[in-house]
PDB file of N, CA and C in Angstrom:
ATOM      1  N   MET A   1      14.260   2.058  13.881  1.00  0.00           N
ATOM      2  CA  MET A   1      14.012   3.398  14.352  1.00  0.00           C
ATOM      3  C   MET A   1      13.406   4.232  13.231  1.00  0.00           C
ATOM      4  N   ILE A   2      12.603   5.210  13.590  1.00  0.00           N
ATOM      5  CA  ILE A   2      12.004   6.100  12.612  1.00  0.00           C
ATOM      6  C   ILE A   2      12.696   7.453  12.723  1.00  0.00           C
ATOM      7  N   TYR A   3      13.268   7.891  11.631  1.00  0.00           N
ATOM      8  CA  TYR A   3      14.003   9.146  11.614  1.00  0.00           C
ATOM      9  C   TYR A   3      13.320  10.129  10.685  1.00  0.00           C
ATOM     10  N   SER A   4      13.706  11.389  10.739  1.00  0.00           N
ATOM     11  CA  SER A   4      13.127  12.427   9.888  1.00  0.00           C
ATOM     12  C   SER A   4      13.945  12.603   8.622  1.00  0.00           C
ATOM     13  N   PHE A   5      13.451  12.069   7.514  1.00  0.00           N
ATOM     14  CA  PHE A   5      14.076  12.248   6.220  1.00  0.00           C
ATOM     15  C   PHE A   5      12.997  12.554   5.187  1.00  0.00           C
ATOM     16  N   PRO A   6      12.362  13.730   5.267  1.00  0.00           N
ATOM     17  CA  PRO A   6      11.299  14.037   4.320  1.00  0.00           C
ATOM     18  C   PRO A   6      11.821  14.195   2.904  1.00  0.00           C
ATOM     19  N   ASN A   7      11.042  13.752   1.935  1.00  0.00           N
ATOM     20  CA  ASN A   7      11.384  13.898   0.534  1.00  0.00           C
ATOM     21  C   ASN A   7      10.390  14.875  -0.081  1.00  0.00           C
ATOM     22  N   PRO A   8      10.763  16.141  -0.243  1.00  0.00           N
ATOM     23  CA  PRO A   8       9.818  17.142  -0.730  1.00  0.00           C
ATOM     24  C   PRO A   8       9.452  16.962  -2.196  1.00  0.00           C
ATOM     25  N   TYR A   9      10.148  16.099  -2.932  1.00  0.00           N
ATOM     26  CA  TYR A   9       9.906  15.927  -4.357  1.00  0.00           C
ATOM     27  C   TYR A   9       8.820  14.907  -4.667  1.00  0.00           C
ATOM     28  N   LYS A  10       8.444  14.078  -3.705  1.00  0.00           N
ATOM     29  CA  LYS A  10       7.401  13.078  -3.920  1.00  0.00           C
ATOM     30  C   LYS A  10       6.304  13.295  -2.890  1.00  0.00           C
ATOM     31  N   ILE A  11       5.221  13.899  -3.317  1.00  0.00           N
ATOM     32  CA  ILE A  11       4.145  14.235  -2.401  1.00  0.00           C
ATOM     33  C   ILE A  11       3.599  12.987  -1.713  1.00  0.00           C
ATOM     34  N   CYS A  12       3.460  11.890  -2.436  1.00  0.00           N
ATOM     35  CA  CYS A  12       2.875  10.675  -1.878  1.00  0.00           C
ATOM     36  C   CYS A  12       3.903   9.752  -1.252  1.00  0.00           C
ATOM     37  N   ASN A  13       5.144  10.138  -1.237  1.00  0.00           N
ATOM     38  CA  ASN A  13       6.151   9.334  -0.544  1.00  0.00           C
ATOM     39  C   ASN A  13       5.937   9.554   0.951  1.00  0.00           C
ATOM     40  N   PHE A  14       5.879   8.490   1.709  1.00  0.00           N
ATOM     41  CA  PHE A  14       5.579   8.600   3.130  1.00  0.00           C
ATOM     42  C   PHE A  14       6.788   9.091   3.903  1.00  0.00           C
ATOM     43  N   PHE A  15       6.629  10.206   4.559  1.00  0.00           N
ATOM     44  CA  PHE A  15       7.705  10.739   5.370  1.00  0.00           C
ATOM     45  C   PHE A  15       7.938   9.815   6.545  1.00  0.00           C
ATOM     46  N   LYS A  16       9.174   9.604   6.882  1.00  0.00           N
ATOM     47  CA  LYS A  16       9.491   8.717   7.996  1.00  0.00           C
ATOM     48  C   LYS A  16       9.307   9.419   9.332  1.00  0.00           C
ATOM     49  N   SER A  17       8.887  10.671   9.297  1.00  0.00           N
ATOM     50  CA  SER A  17       8.581  11.375  10.541  1.00  0.00           C
ATOM     51  C   SER A  17       7.072  11.558  10.691  1.00  0.00           C
ATOM     52  N   THR A  18       6.304  10.801   9.910  1.00  0.00           N
ATOM     53  CA  THR A  18       4.856  10.939   9.912  1.00  0.00           C
ATOM     54  C   THR A  18       4.200   9.569   9.990  1.00  0.00           C
ATOM     55  N   LEU A  19       3.127   9.473  10.770  1.00  0.00           N
ATOM     56  CA  LEU A  19       2.308   8.258  10.787  1.00  0.00           C
ATOM     57  C   LEU A  19       1.068   8.521   9.964  1.00  0.00           C
ATOM     58  N   LEU A  20       0.672   7.567   9.148  1.00  0.00           N
ATOM     59  CA  LEU A  20      -0.546   7.688   8.372  1.00  0.00           C
ATOM     60  C   LEU A  20      -1.576   6.742   8.951  1.00  0.00           C
ATOM     61  N   SER A  21      -2.732   7.246   9.272  1.00  0.00           N
ATOM     62  CA  SER A  21      -3.739   6.425   9.940  1.00  0.00           C
ATOM     63  C   SER A  21      -4.306   5.364   9.020  1.00  0.00           C
ATOM     64  N   GLY A  22      -4.373   4.145   9.550  1.00  0.00           N
ATOM     65  CA  GLY A  22      -5.026   3.046   8.878  1.00  0.00           C
ATOM     66  C   GLY A  22      -4.464   2.683   7.525  1.00  0.00           C
ATOM     67  N   TYR A  23      -3.233   3.062   7.246  1.00  0.00           N
ATOM     68  CA  TYR A  23      -2.659   2.736   5.953  1.00  0.00           C
ATOM     69  C   TYR A  23      -2.561   1.226   5.795  1.00  0.00           C
ATOM     70  N   LYS A  24      -2.569   0.750   4.558  1.00  0.00           N
ATOM     71  CA  LYS A  24      -2.560  -0.694   4.277  1.00  0.00           C
ATOM     72  C   LYS A  24      -1.489  -1.428   5.064  1.00  0.00           C
ATOM     73  N   SER A  25      -0.333  -0.840   5.157  1.00  0.00           N
ATOM     74  CA  SER A  25       0.759  -1.450   5.917  1.00  0.00           C
ATOM     75  C   SER A  25       0.726  -0.911   7.336  1.00  0.00           C
ATOM     76  N   LEU A  26       0.507  -1.772   8.297  1.00  0.00           N
ATOM     77  CA  LEU A  26       0.483  -1.322   9.694  1.00  0.00           C
ATOM     78  C   LEU A  26       1.836  -0.782  10.123  1.00  0.00           C
ATOM     79  N   PHE A  27       2.906  -1.121   9.388  1.00  0.00           N
ATOM     80  CA  PHE A  27       4.230  -0.611   9.727  1.00  0.00           C
ATOM     81  C   PHE A  27       4.238   0.913   9.664  1.00  0.00           C
ATOM     82  N   ILE A  28       3.548   1.476   8.678  1.00  0.00           N
ATOM     83  CA  ILE A  28       3.547   2.926   8.510  1.00  0.00           C
ATOM     84  C   ILE A  28       2.710   3.607   9.582  1.00  0.00           C
ATOM     85  N   ALA A  29       1.704   2.929  10.098  1.00  0.00           N
ATOM     86  CA  ALA A  29       0.805   3.528  11.069  1.00  0.00           C
ATOM     87  C   ALA A  29       1.137   3.126  12.500  1.00  0.00           C
ATOM     88  N   THR A  30       2.292   2.510  12.732  1.00  0.00           N
ATOM     89  CA  THR A  30       2.619   1.967  14.049  1.00  0.00           C
ATOM     90  C   THR A  30       4.016   2.372  14.503  1.00  0.00           C
ATOM     91  N   LEU A  31       4.116   2.752  15.786  1.00  0.00           N
ATOM     92  CA  LEU A  31       5.408   2.948  16.435  1.00  0.00           C
ATOM     93  C   LEU A  31       5.585   1.814  17.430  1.00  0.00           C
ATOM     94  N   HIS A  32       6.631   1.030  17.258  1.00  0.00           N
ATOM     95  CA  HIS A  32       6.926  -0.074  18.172  1.00  0.00           C
ATOM     96  C   HIS A  32       7.799   0.424  19.317  1.00  0.00           C
ATOM     97  N   ALA A  33       7.890  -0.359  20.380  1.00  0.00           N
ATOM     98  CA  ALA A  33       8.745  -0.001  21.524  1.00  0.00           C
ATOM     99  C   ALA A  33      10.152   0.319  21.024  1.00  0.00           C
ATOM    100  N   GLY A  34      10.670   1.447  21.457  1.00  0.00           N
ATOM    101  CA  GLY A  34      12.001   1.883  21.054  1.00  0.00           C
ATOM    102  C   GLY A  34      12.006   2.802  19.846  1.00  0.00           C
ATOM    103  N   GLU A  35      10.877   2.945  19.156  1.00  0.00           N
ATOM    104  CA  GLU A  35      10.802   3.822  17.992  1.00  0.00           C
ATOM    105  C   GLU A  35      10.265   5.187  18.401  1.00  0.00           C
ATOM    106  N   PHE A  36      10.520   6.181  17.565  1.00  0.00           N
ATOM    107  CA  PHE A  36      10.130   7.546  17.903  1.00  0.00           C
ATOM    108  C   PHE A  36       9.883   8.389  16.667  1.00  0.00           C
ATOM    109  N   LEU A  37       9.173   9.472  16.870  1.00  0.00           N
ATOM    110  CA  LEU A  37       9.016  10.538  15.883  1.00  0.00           C
ATOM    111  C   LEU A  37       9.763  11.734  16.432  1.00  0.00           C
ATOM    112  N   THR A  38      10.378  12.503  15.550  1.00  0.00           N
ATOM    113  CA  THR A  38      11.151  13.634  16.040  1.00  0.00           C
ATOM    114  C   THR A  38      11.033  14.825  15.103  1.00  0.00           C
ATOM    115  N   HIS A  39      11.185  15.986  15.666  1.00  0.00           N
ATOM    116  CA  HIS A  39      11.273  17.233  14.928  1.00  0.00           C
ATOM    117  C   HIS A  39      12.612  17.234  14.201  1.00  0.00           C
ATOM    118  N   LEU A  40      12.699  17.966  13.120  1.00  0.00           N
ATOM    119  CA  LEU A  40      13.912  18.007  12.308  1.00  0.00           C
ATOM    120  C   LEU A  40      15.173  18.255  13.148  1.00  0.00           C
ATOM    121  N   TYR A  41      15.081  19.142  14.121  1.00  0.00           N
ATOM    122  CA  TYR A  41      16.250  19.469  14.939  1.00  0.00           C
ATOM    123  C   TYR A  41      16.298  18.665  16.234  1.00  0.00           C
ATOM    124  N   LYS A  42      15.414  17.693  16.364  1.00  0.00           N
ATOM    125  CA  LYS A  42      15.366  16.772  17.497  1.00  0.00           C
ATOM    126  C   LYS A  42      15.102  17.453  18.839  1.00  0.00           C
ATOM    127  N   ALA A  43      14.509  18.640  18.805  1.00  0.00           N
ATOM    128  CA  ALA A  43      14.141  19.298  20.060  1.00  0.00           C
ATOM    129  C   ALA A  43      12.918  18.612  20.655  1.00  0.00           C
ATOM    130  N   TYR A  44      11.980  18.204  19.794  1.00  0.00           N
ATOM    131  CA  TYR A  44      10.772  17.511  20.234  1.00  0.00           C
ATOM    132  C   TYR A  44      10.864  16.056  19.807  1.00  0.00           C
ATOM    133  N   VAL A  45      10.569  15.155  20.734  1.00  0.00           N
ATOM    134  CA  VAL A  45      10.627  13.716  20.443  1.00  0.00           C
ATOM    135  C   VAL A  45       9.413  13.034  21.064  1.00  0.00           C
ATOM    136  N   PHE A  46       8.739  12.218  20.265  1.00  0.00           N
ATOM    137  CA  PHE A  46       7.661  11.361  20.774  1.00  0.00           C
ATOM    138  C   PHE A  46       8.199   9.939  20.725  1.00  0.00           C
ATOM    139  N   LEU A  47       8.370   9.317  21.882  1.00  0.00           N
ATOM    140  CA  LEU A  47       9.053   8.028  22.002  1.00  0.00           C
ATOM    141  C   LEU A  47       8.158   7.000  22.678  1.00  0.00           C
ATOM    142  N   VAL A  48       8.098   5.812  22.088  1.00  0.00           N
ATOM    143  CA  VAL A  48       7.459   4.667  22.755  1.00  0.00           C
ATOM    144  C   VAL A  48       8.597   3.924  23.448  1.00  0.00           C
ATOM    145  N   GLN A  49       8.650   4.048  24.751  1.00  0.00           N
ATOM    146  CA  GLN A  49       9.752   3.468  25.515  1.00  0.00           C
ATOM    147  C   GLN A  49       9.590   1.953  25.663  1.00  0.00           C
ATOM    148  N   GLN A  50      10.677   1.284  25.995  1.00  0.00           N
ATOM    149  CA  GLN A  50      10.668  -0.170  26.168  1.00  0.00           C
ATOM    150  C   GLN A  50       9.741  -0.599  27.306  1.00  0.00           C
ATOM    151  N   ASP A  51       9.493   0.288  28.270  1.00  0.00           N
ATOM    152  CA  ASP A  51       8.632  -0.044  29.416  1.00  0.00           C
ATOM    153  C   ASP A  51       7.148   0.214  29.128  1.00  0.00           C
ATOM    154  N   CYS A  52       6.815   0.469  27.871  1.00  0.00           N
ATOM    155  CA  CYS A  52       5.444   0.702  27.396  1.00  0.00           C
ATOM    156  C   CYS A  52       4.882   2.070  27.750  1.00  0.00           C
ATOM    157  N   ASN A  53       5.687   2.977  28.187  1.00  0.00           N
ATOM    158  CA  ASN A  53       5.236   4.347  28.402  1.00  0.00           C
ATOM    159  C   ASN A  53       5.568   5.129  27.140  1.00  0.00           C
ATOM    160  N   ALA A  54       4.598   5.846  26.600  1.00  0.00           N
ATOM    161  CA  ALA A  54       4.835   6.717  25.455  1.00  0.00           C
ATOM    162  C   ALA A  54       5.013   8.130  26.005  1.00  0.00           C
ATOM    163  N   VAL A  55       6.101   8.781  25.605  1.00  0.00           N
ATOM    164  CA  VAL A  55       6.469  10.062  26.204  1.00  0.00           C
ATOM    165  C   VAL A  55       6.767  11.095  25.119  1.00  0.00           C
ATOM    166  N   TYR A  56       6.281  12.312  25.344  1.00  0.00           N
ATOM    167  CA  TYR A  56       6.556  13.438  24.460  1.00  0.00           C
ATOM    168  C   TYR A  56       7.540  14.353  25.188  1.00  0.00           C
ATOM    169  N   TYR A  57       8.731  14.516  24.612  1.00  0.00           N
ATOM    170  CA  TYR A  57       9.807  15.292  25.230  1.00  0.00           C
ATOM    171  C   TYR A  57      10.065  16.582  24.463  1.00  0.00           C
ATOM    172  N   TYR A  58      10.435  17.600  25.177  1.00  0.00           N
ATOM    173  CA  TYR A  58      11.069  18.781  24.607  1.00  0.00           C
ATOM    174  C   TYR A  58      12.455  18.808  25.216  1.00  0.00           C
ATOM    175  N   LYS A  59      13.450  18.554  24.371  1.00  0.00           N
ATOM    176  CA  LYS A  59      14.818  18.334  24.832  1.00  0.00           C
ATOM    177  C   LYS A  59      14.771  17.216  25.862  1.00  0.00           C
ATOM    178  N   ASN A  60      15.094  17.410  27.105  1.00  0.00           N
ATOM    179  CA  ASN A  60      15.020  16.349  28.109  1.00  0.00           C
ATOM    180  C   ASN A  60      13.861  16.541  29.084  1.00  0.00           C
ATOM    181  N   ILE A  61      12.951  17.445  28.744  1.00  0.00           N
ATOM    182  CA  ILE A  61      11.823  17.743  29.625  1.00  0.00           C
ATOM    183  C   ILE A  61      10.595  16.972  29.150  1.00  0.00           C
ATOM    184  N   VAL A  62       9.966  16.240  30.052  1.00  0.00           N
ATOM    185  CA  VAL A  62       8.747  15.498  29.716  1.00  0.00           C
ATOM    186  C   VAL A  62       7.572  16.474  29.677  1.00  0.00           C
ATOM    187  N   LEU A  63       6.934  16.579  28.513  1.00  0.00           N
ATOM    188  CA  LEU A  63       5.765  17.440  28.358  1.00  0.00           C
ATOM    189  C   LEU A  63       4.471  16.661  28.578  1.00  0.00           C
ATOM    190  N   TRP A  64       4.502  15.363  28.239  1.00  0.00           N
ATOM    191  CA  TRP A  64       3.302  14.533  28.331  1.00  0.00           C
ATOM    192  C   TRP A  64       3.710  13.066  28.293  1.00  0.00           C
ATOM    193  N   ASN A  65       2.926  12.215  28.948  1.00  0.00           N
ATOM    194  CA  ASN A  65       3.161  10.773  28.829  1.00  0.00           C
ATOM    195  C   ASN A  65       1.867  10.014  29.098  1.00  0.00           C
ATOM    196  N   THR A  66       1.849   8.742  28.712  1.00  0.00           N
ATOM    197  CA  THR A  66       0.637   7.923  28.842  1.00  0.00           C
ATOM    198  C   THR A  66       0.471   7.310  30.228  1.00  0.00           C
ATOM    199  N   LYS A  67       1.498   7.389  31.057  1.00  0.00           N
ATOM    200  CA  LYS A  67       1.467   6.811  32.406  1.00  0.00           C
ATOM    201  C   LYS A  67       1.174   5.301  32.368  1.00  0.00           C
ATOM    202  N   THR A  68       1.770   4.629  31.390  1.00  0.00           N
ATOM    203  CA  THR A  68       1.558   3.186  31.225  1.00  0.00           C
ATOM    204  C   THR A  68       2.847   2.395  31.432  1.00  0.00           C
ATOM    205  N   TYR A  69       3.828   2.974  32.078  1.00  0.00           N
ATOM    206  CA  TYR A  69       5.111   2.301  32.276  1.00  0.00           C
ATOM    207  C   TYR A  69       4.931   1.026  33.089  1.00  0.00           C
ATOM    208  N   GLY A  70       5.566  -0.030  32.601  1.00  0.00           N
ATOM    209  CA  GLY A  70       5.542  -1.314  33.295  1.00  0.00           C
ATOM    210  C   GLY A  70       4.267  -2.123  33.137  1.00  0.00           C
ATOM    211  N   MET A  71       3.308  -1.661  32.338  1.00  0.00           N
ATOM    212  CA  MET A  71       2.042  -2.383  32.208  1.00  0.00           C
ATOM    213  C   MET A  71       2.141  -3.593  31.278  1.00  0.00           C
ATOM    214  N   SER A  72       3.159  -3.639  30.434  1.00  0.00           N
ATOM    215  CA  SER A  72       3.340  -4.758  29.516  1.00  0.00           C
ATOM    216  C   SER A  72       4.756  -4.693  28.958  1.00  0.00           C
ATOM    217  N   PHE A  73       4.975  -5.382  27.862  1.00  0.00           N
ATOM    218  CA  PHE A  73       6.253  -5.324  27.149  1.00  0.00           C
ATOM    219  C   PHE A  73       5.934  -5.337  25.661  1.00  0.00           C
ATOM    220  N   ASP A  74       6.909  -4.990  24.849  1.00  0.00           N
ATOM    221  CA  ASP A  74       6.744  -5.006  23.392  1.00  0.00           C
ATOM    222  C   ASP A  74       5.472  -4.272  22.951  1.00  0.00           C
ATOM    223  N   CYS A  75       5.226  -3.103  23.528  1.00  0.00           N
ATOM    224  CA  CYS A  75       4.032  -2.330  23.189  1.00  0.00           C
ATOM    225  C   CYS A  75       4.185  -1.652  21.845  1.00  0.00           C
ATOM    226  N   LYS A  76       3.056  -1.243  21.289  1.00  0.00           N
ATOM    227  CA  LYS A  76       3.073  -0.492  20.038  1.00  0.00           C
ATOM    228  C   LYS A  76       1.960   0.541  20.061  1.00  0.00           C
ATOM    229  N   PHE A  77       2.275   1.720  19.533  1.00  0.00           N
ATOM    230  CA  PHE A  77       1.306   2.803  19.429  1.00  0.00           C
ATOM    231  C   PHE A  77       0.838   2.816  17.975  1.00  0.00           C
ATOM    232  N   ARG A  78      -0.451   2.652  17.758  1.00  0.00           N
ATOM    233  CA  ARG A  78      -0.980   2.541  16.408  1.00  0.00           C
ATOM    234  C   ARG A  78      -1.978   3.657  16.137  1.00  0.00           C
ATOM    235  N   LEU A  79      -1.763   4.367  15.026  1.00  0.00           N
ATOM    236  CA  LEU A  79      -2.718   5.358  14.552  1.00  0.00           C
ATOM    237  C   LEU A  79      -3.692   4.611  13.648  1.00  0.00           C
ATOM    238  N   GLN A  80      -4.895   4.404  14.150  1.00  0.00           N
ATOM    239  CA  GLN A  80      -5.880   3.588  13.454  1.00  0.00           C
ATOM    240  C   GLN A  80      -6.576   4.365  12.350  1.00  0.00           C
ATOM    241  N   GLU A  81      -7.235   3.635  11.483  1.00  0.00           N
ATOM    242  CA  GLU A  81      -7.915   4.235  10.350  1.00  0.00           C
ATOM    243  C   GLU A  81      -9.004   5.219  10.782  1.00  0.00           C
ATOM    244  N   ASP A  82      -9.577   5.007  11.951  1.00  0.00           N
ATOM    245  CA  ASP A  82     -10.632   5.901  12.433  1.00  0.00           C
ATOM    246  C   ASP A  82     -10.096   7.154  13.116  1.00  0.00           C
ATOM    247  N   GLY A  83      -8.766   7.320  13.155  1.00  0.00           N
ATOM    248  CA  GLY A  83      -8.149   8.504  13.741  1.00  0.00           C
ATOM    249  C   GLY A  83      -7.780   8.364  15.200  1.00  0.00           C
ATOM    250  N   ASN A  84      -8.132   7.247  15.829  1.00  0.00           N
ATOM    251  CA  ASN A  84      -7.791   7.013  17.232  1.00  0.00           C
ATOM    252  C   ASN A  84      -6.344   6.536  17.331  1.00  0.00           C
ATOM    253  N   PHE A  85      -5.593   7.069  18.276  1.00  0.00           N
ATOM    254  CA  PHE A  85      -4.190   6.717  18.505  1.00  0.00           C
ATOM    255  C   PHE A  85      -4.169   5.830  19.744  1.00  0.00           C
ATOM    256  N   VAL A  86      -3.862   4.539  19.577  1.00  0.00           N
ATOM    257  CA  VAL A  86      -4.018   3.561  20.645  1.00  0.00           C
ATOM    258  C   VAL A  86      -2.697   2.858  20.947  1.00  0.00           C
ATOM    259  N   LEU A  87      -2.383   2.757  22.243  1.00  0.00           N
ATOM    260  CA  LEU A  87      -1.200   2.022  22.699  1.00  0.00           C
ATOM    261  C   LEU A  87      -1.650   0.615  23.073  1.00  0.00           C
ATOM    262  N   TYR A  88      -1.102  -0.379  22.379  1.00  0.00           N
ATOM    263  CA  TYR A  88      -1.465  -1.775  22.614  1.00  0.00           C
ATOM    264  C   TYR A  88      -0.363  -2.503  23.362  1.00  0.00           C
ATOM    265  N   SER A  89      -0.763  -3.460  24.196  1.00  0.00           N
ATOM    266  CA  SER A  89       0.182  -4.317  24.915  1.00  0.00           C
ATOM    267  C   SER A  89       0.780  -5.332  23.946  1.00  0.00           C
ATOM    268  N   ALA A  90       1.670  -6.165  24.443  1.00  0.00           N
ATOM    269  CA  ALA A  90       2.312  -7.198  23.633  1.00  0.00           C
ATOM    270  C   ALA A  90       1.260  -8.061  22.944  1.00  0.00           C
ATOM    271  N   PHE A  91       1.532  -8.444  21.727  1.00  0.00           N
ATOM    272  CA  PHE A  91       0.653  -9.291  20.908  1.00  0.00           C
ATOM    273  C   PHE A  91      -0.722  -8.650  20.674  1.00  0.00           C
ATOM    274  N   ASP A  92      -0.829  -7.345  20.841  1.00  0.00           N
ATOM    275  CA  ASP A  92      -2.089  -6.610  20.651  1.00  0.00           C
ATOM    276  C   ASP A  92      -3.220  -7.158  21.525  1.00  0.00           C
ATOM    277  N   LEU A  93      -2.874  -7.703  22.680  1.00  0.00           N
ATOM    278  CA  LEU A  93      -3.885  -8.329  23.533  1.00  0.00           C
ATOM    279  C   LEU A  93      -4.858  -7.340  24.146  1.00  0.00           C
ATOM    280  N   LYS A  94      -4.337  -6.156  24.515  1.00  0.00           N
ATOM    281  CA  LYS A  94      -5.237  -5.221  25.188  1.00  0.00           C
ATOM    282  C   LYS A  94      -4.773  -3.788  24.962  1.00  0.00           C
ATOM    283  N   PRO A  95      -5.708  -2.877  24.783  1.00  0.00           N
ATOM    284  CA  PRO A  95      -5.344  -1.463  24.669  1.00  0.00           C
ATOM    285  C   PRO A  95      -5.013  -0.905  26.059  1.00  0.00           C
ATOM    286  N   LEU A  96      -3.881  -0.227  26.154  1.00  0.00           N
ATOM    287  CA  LEU A  96      -3.452   0.350  27.427  1.00  0.00           C
ATOM    288  C   LEU A  96      -3.799   1.836  27.526  1.00  0.00           C
ATOM    289  N   TYR A  97      -3.878   2.496  26.377  1.00  0.00           N
ATOM    290  CA  TYR A  97      -4.147   3.930  26.342  1.00  0.00           C
ATOM    291  C   TYR A  97      -4.751   4.261  24.981  1.00  0.00           C
ATOM    292  N   ALA A  98      -5.660   5.206  24.927  1.00  0.00           N
ATOM    293  CA  ALA A  98      -6.224   5.676  23.661  1.00  0.00           C
ATOM    294  C   ALA A  98      -6.504   7.172  23.766  1.00  0.00           C
ATOM    295  N   THR A  99      -6.313   7.870  22.669  1.00  0.00           N
ATOM    296  CA  THR A  99      -6.576   9.310  22.650  1.00  0.00           C
ATOM    297  C   THR A  99      -8.065   9.612  22.513  1.00  0.00           C
ATOM    298  N   LYS A 100      -8.844   8.637  22.108  1.00  0.00           N
ATOM    299  CA  LYS A 100     -10.298   8.777  21.914  1.00  0.00           C
ATOM    300  C   LYS A 100     -10.619   9.866  20.884  1.00  0.00           C
ATOM    301  N   THR A 101      -9.792   9.929  19.847  1.00  0.00           N
ATOM    302  CA  THR A 101      -9.959  10.916  18.782  1.00  0.00           C
ATOM    303  C   THR A 101     -10.524  10.285  17.519  1.00  0.00           C
ATOM    304  N   TYR A 102     -11.276   9.216  17.672  1.00  0.00           N
ATOM    305  CA  TYR A 102     -11.809   8.501  16.523  1.00  0.00           C
ATOM    306  C   TYR A 102     -12.983   9.245  15.895  1.00  0.00           C
ATOM    307  N   CYS A 103     -13.202   8.964  14.631  1.00  0.00           N
ATOM    308  CA  CYS A 103     -14.342   9.527  13.908  1.00  0.00           C
ATOM    309  C   CYS A 103     -15.539   8.609  14.078  1.00  0.00           C
ATOM    310  N   LYS A 104     -16.686   9.133  13.822  1.00  0.00           N
ATOM    311  CA  LYS A 104     -17.916   8.362  13.991  1.00  0.00           C
ATOM    312  C   LYS A 104     -18.206   7.435  12.813  1.00  0.00           C
ATOM    313  N   LYS A 105     -17.627   7.731  11.645  1.00  0.00           N
ATOM    314  CA  LYS A 105     -17.895   6.883  10.488  1.00  0.00           C
ATOM    315  C   LYS A 105     -16.633   6.144  10.070  1.00  0.00           C
ATOM    316  N   PHE A 106     -16.816   5.062   9.385  1.00  0.00           N
ATOM    317  CA  PHE A 106     -15.702   4.221   8.940  1.00  0.00           C
ATOM    318  C   PHE A 106     -14.888   4.924   7.861  1.00  0.00           C
ATOM    319  N   LYS A 107     -13.585   4.771   7.912  1.00  0.00           N
ATOM    320  CA  LYS A 107     -12.658   5.348   6.933  1.00  0.00           C
ATOM    321  C   LYS A 107     -12.826   6.851   6.795  1.00  0.00           C
ATOM    322  N   CYS A 108     -12.839   7.549   7.890  1.00  0.00           N
ATOM    323  CA  CYS A 108     -13.055   8.999   7.848  1.00  0.00           C
ATOM    324  C   CYS A 108     -11.786   9.762   7.495  1.00  0.00           C
ATOM    325  N   VAL A 109     -10.624   9.095   7.553  1.00  0.00           N
ATOM    326  CA  VAL A 109      -9.371   9.764   7.217  1.00  0.00           C
ATOM    327  C   VAL A 109      -9.054   9.436   5.770  1.00  0.00           C
ATOM    328  N   ASN A 110      -9.007  10.452   4.914  1.00  0.00           N
ATOM    329  CA  ASN A 110      -8.769  10.235   3.500  1.00  0.00           C
ATOM    330  C   ASN A 110      -7.281  10.355   3.166  1.00  0.00           C
ATOM    331  N   HIS A 111      -6.822   9.464   2.307  1.00  0.00           N
ATOM    332  CA  HIS A 111      -5.459   9.540   1.793  1.00  0.00           C
ATOM    333  C   HIS A 111      -5.548  10.047   0.366  1.00  0.00           C
ATOM    334  N   GLN A 112      -4.918  11.159   0.080  1.00  0.00           N
ATOM    335  CA  GLN A 112      -5.040  11.794  -1.228  1.00  0.00           C
ATOM    336  C   GLN A 112      -4.025  11.296  -2.240  1.00  0.00           C
ATOM    337  N   CYS A 113      -3.206  10.329  -1.871  1.00  0.00           N
ATOM    338  CA  CYS A 113      -2.159   9.846  -2.782  1.00  0.00           C
ATOM    339  C   CYS A 113      -2.702   8.942  -3.857  1.00  0.00           C
TER     340      CYS A 113
END
């Protein structure tokens, strides 16, 4: 699970409540089924559910979702190096949802660390 434990003393330490696009380790840029990002007080939660639906909640109210429930299993939401946020099916076989927020050039997201 990914929890919110920011370390304000290390600027380049990766916050566990943040995804970094295209980072060398796909673990940092990926949310697997059952993992989530949350606001410090847990009022807002972005969850990749076991049924492959990614849902953004405010408390128990659904604000947004990918409408991909039941399309696969063991899905993962990956923030790619080009800035596109893509939900992949099991074994990365097929993209189920994408935000289409990619940049036009390669490596457009800079890491200042």
